[in-house]
Amino acid sequence: MDMELDYGKLGKRIKEQRLKKHLTQEKLGEIVNVATSNISHIERATTQVSLPSLVKIANALDVTPDQLLCDSSSSIAEIYVEQDISNLLQGCTLNEKQMIKDIIAATKKTFIEHR
């Protein structure tokens, strides 16, 4: 499956990671030597981030570029979806996990029937 670079999702992931690191747009801009307004434009997808800036942003946020770009690569996206599901299960009891598994199985069956 061919995927296009989704700047909206990229910007959202950058913002999520920035907030996890408790950084303001201004502070991230200082770290990567980019204007605060440019960070804002990148996060809102009103501008396209350059590859060198993306690498600097990823380094400043302690993530890899592929973590930020995972929505634009089907193989990477699959890995991160599976990690997201695993993260959602953290803290659940065995009984809760079994119920979630049953819900997933029923949902998958419905998808298959309606393809």
C-alpha atoms as a PDB file:
ATOM      1  CA  MET A   1       0.000   0.000   0.000  1.00  0.00           C
ATOM      2  CA  ASP A   2       1.413   3.397  -1.031  1.00  0.00           C
ATOM      3  CA  MET A   3       1.133   6.094   1.604  1.00  0.00           C
ATOM      4  CA  GLU A   4       1.612   9.827   1.228  1.00  0.00           C
ATOM      5  CA  LEU A   5       3.397  11.922   3.811  1.00  0.00           C
ATOM      6  CA  ASP A   6       0.661  13.184   6.121  1.00  0.00           C
ATOM      7  CA  TYR A   7       1.915  16.503   7.450  1.00  0.00           C
ATOM      8  CA  GLY A   8      -1.116  16.831   9.726  1.00  0.00           C
ATOM      9  CA  LYS A   9      -0.348  13.584  11.528  1.00  0.00           C
ATOM     10  CA  LEU A  10       3.363  14.424  11.563  1.00  0.00           C
ATOM     11  CA  GLY A  11       2.621  17.769  13.209  1.00  0.00           C
ATOM     12  CA  LYS A  12       0.322  16.107  15.724  1.00  0.00           C
ATOM     13  CA  ARG A  13       2.991  13.570  16.676  1.00  0.00           C
ATOM     14  CA  ILE A  14       5.595  16.323  17.041  1.00  0.00           C
ATOM     15  CA  LYS A  15       3.242  18.249  19.319  1.00  0.00           C
ATOM     16  CA  GLU A  16       2.440  15.126  21.373  1.00  0.00           C
ATOM     17  CA  GLN A  17       6.121  14.378  21.886  1.00  0.00           C
ATOM     18  CA  ARG A  18       6.900  18.026  22.669  1.00  0.00           C
ATOM     19  CA  LEU A  19       4.206  18.079  25.342  1.00  0.00           C
ATOM     20  CA  LYS A  20       5.453  14.779  26.791  1.00  0.00           C
ATOM     21  CA  LYS A  21       8.853  16.430  27.205  1.00  0.00           C
ATOM     22  CA  HIS A  22       7.171  19.483  28.808  1.00  0.00           C
ATOM     23  CA  LEU A  23       8.614  21.779  26.156  1.00  0.00           C
ATOM     24  CA  THR A  24       7.012  24.925  24.821  1.00  0.00           C
ATOM     25  CA  GLN A  25       7.122  25.655  21.117  1.00  0.00           C
ATOM     26  CA  GLU A  26       9.554  28.442  21.969  1.00  0.00           C
ATOM     27  CA  LYS A  27      11.913  26.116  23.860  1.00  0.00           C
ATOM     28  CA  LEU A  28      11.819  23.464  21.107  1.00  0.00           C
ATOM     29  CA  GLY A  29      12.531  26.186  18.565  1.00  0.00           C
ATOM     30  CA  GLU A  30      15.542  27.318  20.600  1.00  0.00           C
ATOM     31  CA  ILE A  31      16.888  23.761  20.855  1.00  0.00           C
ATOM     32  CA  VAL A  32      16.624  23.105  17.107  1.00  0.00           C
ATOM     33  CA  ASN A  33      17.440  26.683  16.062  1.00  0.00           C
ATOM     34  CA  VAL A  34      14.066  27.231  14.388  1.00  0.00           C
ATOM     35  CA  ALA A  35      11.700  30.157  14.925  1.00  0.00           C
ATOM     36  CA  THR A  36       8.816  29.528  17.339  1.00  0.00           C
ATOM     37  CA  SER A  37       6.375  30.430  14.577  1.00  0.00           C
ATOM     38  CA  ASN A  38       7.919  27.726  12.383  1.00  0.00           C
ATOM     39  CA  ILE A  39       7.374  25.102  15.103  1.00  0.00           C
ATOM     40  CA  SER A  40       3.754  26.248  15.293  1.00  0.00           C
ATOM     41  CA  HIS A  41       3.376  25.999  11.501  1.00  0.00           C
ATOM     42  CA  ILE A  42       4.922  22.515  11.492  1.00  0.00           C
ATOM     43  CA  GLU A  43       2.597  21.298  14.242  1.00  0.00           C
ATOM     44  CA  ARG A  44      -0.454  22.719  12.450  1.00  0.00           C
ATOM     45  CA  ALA A  45       0.781  21.421   9.075  1.00  0.00           C
ATOM     46  CA  THR A  46       0.624  24.850   7.480  1.00  0.00           C
ATOM     47  CA  THR A  47       4.225  24.385   6.343  1.00  0.00           C
ATOM     48  CA  GLN A  48       6.222  21.344   5.288  1.00  0.00           C
ATOM     49  CA  VAL A  49       9.129  20.552   7.579  1.00  0.00           C
ATOM     50  CA  SER A  50      12.491  19.986   5.902  1.00  0.00           C
ATOM     51  CA  LEU A  51      14.332  16.725   6.461  1.00  0.00           C
ATOM     52  CA  PRO A  52      17.213  18.391   8.374  1.00  0.00           C
ATOM     53  CA  SER A  53      14.708  20.172  10.646  1.00  0.00           C
ATOM     54  CA  LEU A  54      12.752  16.954  11.173  1.00  0.00           C
ATOM     55  CA  VAL A  55      15.924  15.157  12.278  1.00  0.00           C
ATOM     56  CA  LYS A  56      16.796  18.008  14.656  1.00  0.00           C
ATOM     57  CA  ILE A  57      13.272  17.978  16.094  1.00  0.00           C
ATOM     58  CA  ALA A  58      13.343  14.198  16.537  1.00  0.00           C
ATOM     59  CA  ASN A  59      16.699  14.413  18.324  1.00  0.00           C
ATOM     60  CA  ALA A  60      15.455  17.213  20.583  1.00  0.00           C
ATOM     61  CA  LEU A  61      12.387  15.139  21.476  1.00  0.00           C
ATOM     62  CA  ASP A  62      14.427  11.949  22.066  1.00  0.00           C
ATOM     63  CA  VAL A  63      12.515  10.032  19.409  1.00  0.00           C
ATOM     64  CA  THR A  64      13.487   8.653  16.044  1.00  0.00           C
ATOM     65  CA  PRO A  65      12.280  10.245  12.818  1.00  0.00           C
ATOM     66  CA  ASP A  66      10.387   7.041  12.011  1.00  0.00           C
ATOM     67  CA  GLN A  67       8.399   7.451  15.230  1.00  0.00           C
ATOM     68  CA  LEU A  68       7.262  10.830  13.946  1.00  0.00           C
ATOM     69  CA  LEU A  69       6.696   9.554  10.404  1.00  0.00           C
ATOM     70  CA  CYS A  70       5.014   6.265  11.283  1.00  0.00           C
ATOM     71  CA  ASP A  71       1.704   7.319   9.716  1.00  0.00           C
ATOM     72  CA  SER A  72       3.443   7.703   6.351  1.00  0.00           C
ATOM     73  CA  SER A  73       4.909   4.198   6.073  1.00  0.00           C
ATOM     74  CA  SER A  74       2.630   1.187   6.122  1.00  0.00           C
ATOM     75  CA  SER A  75       5.291  -1.134   7.604  1.00  0.00           C
ATOM     76  CA  ILE A  76       6.235   1.355  10.327  1.00  0.00           C
ATOM     77  CA  ALA A  77       2.589   2.245  10.942  1.00  0.00           C
ATOM     78  CA  GLU A  78       1.766  -1.407  11.598  1.00  0.00           C
ATOM     79  CA  ILE A  79       4.530  -1.672  14.199  1.00  0.00           C
ATOM     80  CA  TYR A  80       3.347   1.461  15.998  1.00  0.00           C
ATOM     81  CA  VAL A  81      -0.313   0.448  15.920  1.00  0.00           C
ATOM     82  CA  GLU A  82       0.645  -2.821  17.571  1.00  0.00           C
ATOM     83  CA  GLN A  83       2.711  -0.923  20.163  1.00  0.00           C
ATOM     84  CA  ASP A  84      -0.213   1.440  20.774  1.00  0.00           C
ATOM     85  CA  ILE A  85      -2.507  -1.531  21.390  1.00  0.00           C
ATOM     86  CA  SER A  86       0.045  -3.077  23.734  1.00  0.00           C
ATOM     87  CA  ASN A  87       0.343   0.222  25.622  1.00  0.00           C
ATOM     88  CA  LEU A  88      -3.432   0.392  25.990  1.00  0.00           C
ATOM     89  CA  LEU A  89      -3.404  -3.031  27.643  1.00  0.00           C
ATOM     90  CA  GLN A  90      -0.877  -1.987  30.272  1.00  0.00           C
ATOM     91  CA  GLY A  91      -2.446  -1.874  33.692  1.00  0.00           C
ATOM     92  CA  CYS A  92      -5.384  -4.082  32.707  1.00  0.00           C
ATOM     93  CA  THR A  93      -6.173  -7.210  34.643  1.00  0.00           C
ATOM     94  CA  LEU A  94      -6.100 -10.590  32.891  1.00  0.00           C
ATOM     95  CA  ASN A  95      -9.911 -10.605  32.865  1.00  0.00           C
ATOM     96  CA  GLU A  96      -9.999  -7.132  31.277  1.00  0.00           C
ATOM     97  CA  LYS A  97      -7.457  -8.213  28.661  1.00  0.00           C
ATOM     98  CA  GLN A  98      -9.570 -11.265  27.812  1.00  0.00           C
ATOM     99  CA  MET A  99     -12.659  -9.065  27.387  1.00  0.00           C
ATOM    100  CA  ILE A 100     -10.719  -6.678  25.137  1.00  0.00           C
ATOM    101  CA  LYS A 101      -9.475  -9.650  23.094  1.00  0.00           C
ATOM    102  CA  ASP A 102     -13.080 -10.815  22.654  1.00  0.00           C
ATOM    103  CA  ILE A 103     -14.123  -7.325  21.533  1.00  0.00           C
ATOM    104  CA  ILE A 104     -11.264  -7.230  19.014  1.00  0.00           C
ATOM    105  CA  ALA A 105     -12.192 -10.680  17.684  1.00  0.00           C
ATOM    106  CA  ALA A 106     -15.841  -9.665  17.254  1.00  0.00           C
ATOM    107  CA  THR A 107     -14.856  -6.417  15.573  1.00  0.00           C
ATOM    108  CA  LYS A 108     -12.475  -8.217  13.209  1.00  0.00           C
ATOM    109  CA  LYS A 109     -15.214 -10.712  12.299  1.00  0.00           C
ATOM    110  CA  THR A 110     -17.577  -7.831  11.491  1.00  0.00           C
ATOM    111  CA  PHE A 111     -14.936  -6.160   9.291  1.00  0.00           C
ATOM    112  CA  ILE A 112     -14.332  -9.393   7.398  1.00  0.00           C
ATOM    113  CA  GLU A 113     -18.068  -9.923   6.843  1.00  0.00           C
ATOM    114  CA  HIS A 114     -18.511  -6.405   5.451  1.00  0.00           C
ATOM    115  CA  ARG A 115     -15.502  -6.191   3.132  1.00  0.00           C
END
